[in-house]
Amino acid sequence: MSKLSFVAIALVVAFSGGVSAQTSDPRGACKADYDKFCAGIAPGGGRVVACLNGKRDQLSAACKTAIDSRKKQ
């Protein structure tokens, strides 16, 4: 896994809160979606989450849940 992918996933997980009850691997909830849609986006300043939100209709259910959980905090 590249450092960029790891950092992006860590950011999403850090802000996802209670996602662990809803996904078997919360750290990977958005990895595939990030790799597919946002791999060129540098983490920081909310850029990765903004990118994922921009592709929301194409995201996996687990990733949508992780992002939604982040918004509730």
C-alpha atoms as a PDB file:
ATOM      1  CA  MET A   1       0.000   0.000   0.000  1.00  0.00           C
ATOM      2  CA  SER A   2       1.425   3.393  -0.893  1.00  0.00           C
ATOM      3  CA  LYS A   3       1.990   6.010   1.796  1.00  0.00           C
ATOM      4  CA  LEU A   4      -0.610   8.246   0.177  1.00  0.00           C
ATOM      5  CA  SER A   5      -3.245   5.518   0.311  1.00  0.00           C
ATOM      6  CA  PHE A   6      -2.426   4.709   3.909  1.00  0.00           C
ATOM      7  CA  VAL A   7      -2.636   8.370   4.946  1.00  0.00           C
ATOM      8  CA  ALA A   8      -5.955   8.847   3.159  1.00  0.00           C
ATOM      9  CA  ILE A   9      -7.449   5.779   4.794  1.00  0.00           C
ATOM     10  CA  ALA A  10      -6.101   6.798   8.186  1.00  0.00           C
ATOM     11  CA  LEU A  11      -7.771  10.201   7.818  1.00  0.00           C
ATOM     12  CA  VAL A  12     -11.123   8.727   6.893  1.00  0.00           C
ATOM     13  CA  VAL A  13     -10.951   6.196   9.732  1.00  0.00           C
ATOM     14  CA  ALA A  14      -9.814   8.794  12.255  1.00  0.00           C
ATOM     15  CA  PHE A  15     -12.984  10.739  11.626  1.00  0.00           C
ATOM     16  CA  SER A  16     -15.355   7.818  11.141  1.00  0.00           C
ATOM     17  CA  GLY A  17     -16.161   7.050  14.786  1.00  0.00           C
ATOM     18  CA  GLY A  18     -18.677   4.221  15.090  1.00  0.00           C
ATOM     19  CA  VAL A  19     -18.123   2.664  11.700  1.00  0.00           C
ATOM     20  CA  SER A  20     -16.462  -0.400  13.223  1.00  0.00           C
ATOM     21  CA  ALA A  21     -19.840  -1.837  14.142  1.00  0.00           C
ATOM     22  CA  GLN A  22     -20.967  -1.503  10.545  1.00  0.00           C
ATOM     23  CA  THR A  23     -17.910  -2.715   8.622  1.00  0.00           C
ATOM     24  CA  SER A  24     -15.595  -5.633   9.212  1.00  0.00           C
ATOM     25  CA  ASP A  25     -12.481  -3.527   8.487  1.00  0.00           C
ATOM     26  CA  PRO A  26     -13.132   0.165   9.084  1.00  0.00           C
ATOM     27  CA  ARG A  27      -9.587   1.125   8.065  1.00  0.00           C
ATOM     28  CA  GLY A  28     -10.306  -0.190   4.610  1.00  0.00           C
ATOM     29  CA  ALA A  29     -13.835   1.155   4.232  1.00  0.00           C
ATOM     30  CA  CYS A  30     -12.838   3.629   1.531  1.00  0.00           C
ATOM     31  CA  LYS A  31      -9.550   2.206   0.266  1.00  0.00           C
ATOM     32  CA  ALA A  32     -10.896   0.755  -2.960  1.00  0.00           C
ATOM     33  CA  ASP A  33     -12.984   3.869  -3.604  1.00  0.00           C
ATOM     34  CA  TYR A  34     -10.003   6.124  -2.906  1.00  0.00           C
ATOM     35  CA  ASP A  35      -7.786   4.048  -5.215  1.00  0.00           C
ATOM     36  CA  LYS A  36     -10.390   4.141  -7.980  1.00  0.00           C
ATOM     37  CA  PHE A  37     -11.611   7.741  -7.799  1.00  0.00           C
ATOM     38  CA  CYS A  38      -9.173   9.877  -5.806  1.00  0.00           C
ATOM     39  CA  ALA A  39      -5.698   8.327  -6.036  1.00  0.00           C
ATOM     40  CA  GLY A  40      -4.156  11.554  -7.343  1.00  0.00           C
ATOM     41  CA  ILE A  41      -5.479  13.662  -4.468  1.00  0.00           C
ATOM     42  CA  ALA A  42      -2.960  14.616  -1.779  1.00  0.00           C
ATOM     43  CA  PRO A  43      -4.291  14.187   1.767  1.00  0.00           C
ATOM     44  CA  GLY A  44      -4.782  17.169   4.018  1.00  0.00           C
ATOM     45  CA  GLY A  45      -7.237  20.000   4.264  1.00  0.00           C
ATOM     46  CA  GLY A  46     -10.210  17.702   3.680  1.00  0.00           C
ATOM     47  CA  ARG A  47      -9.278  17.133   0.026  1.00  0.00           C
ATOM     48  CA  VAL A  48      -9.681  13.343   0.100  1.00  0.00           C
ATOM     49  CA  VAL A  49     -13.083  13.485   1.789  1.00  0.00           C
ATOM     50  CA  ALA A  50     -14.165  16.218  -0.640  1.00  0.00           C
ATOM     51  CA  CYS A  51     -13.069  14.046  -3.562  1.00  0.00           C
ATOM     52  CA  LEU A  52     -14.930  11.037  -2.197  1.00  0.00           C
ATOM     53  CA  ASN A  53     -18.035  13.151  -1.576  1.00  0.00           C
ATOM     54  CA  GLY A  54     -17.844  14.337  -5.183  1.00  0.00           C
ATOM     55  CA  LYS A  55     -18.073  10.712  -6.318  1.00  0.00           C
ATOM     56  CA  ARG A  56     -20.661   9.747  -3.682  1.00  0.00           C
ATOM     57  CA  ASP A  57     -23.080   8.124  -6.121  1.00  0.00           C
ATOM     58  CA  GLN A  58     -20.306   5.708  -7.166  1.00  0.00           C
ATOM     59  CA  LEU A  59     -18.927   4.841  -3.684  1.00  0.00           C
ATOM     60  CA  SER A  60     -19.338   1.544  -1.879  1.00  0.00           C
ATOM     61  CA  ALA A  61     -21.920   1.359   0.892  1.00  0.00           C
ATOM     62  CA  ALA A  62     -19.171   0.901   3.514  1.00  0.00           C
ATOM     63  CA  CYS A  63     -17.373   4.045   2.379  1.00  0.00           C
ATOM     64  CA  LYS A  64     -20.596   6.070   2.365  1.00  0.00           C
ATOM     65  CA  THR A  65     -21.241   4.904   5.934  1.00  0.00           C
ATOM     66  CA  ALA A  66     -17.723   5.909   7.006  1.00  0.00           C
ATOM     67  CA  ILE A  67     -18.105   9.361   5.480  1.00  0.00           C
ATOM     68  CA  ASP A  68     -21.582   9.827   6.968  1.00  0.00           C
ATOM     69  CA  SER A  69     -20.297   8.838  10.415  1.00  0.00           C
ATOM     70  CA  ARG A  70     -17.553  11.432  10.109  1.00  0.00           C
ATOM     71  CA  LYS A  71     -20.126  14.151   9.354  1.00  0.00           C
ATOM     72  CA  LYS A  72     -22.141  13.343  12.506  1.00  0.00           C
ATOM     73  CA  GLN A  73     -19.238  14.113  14.815  1.00  0.00           C
END
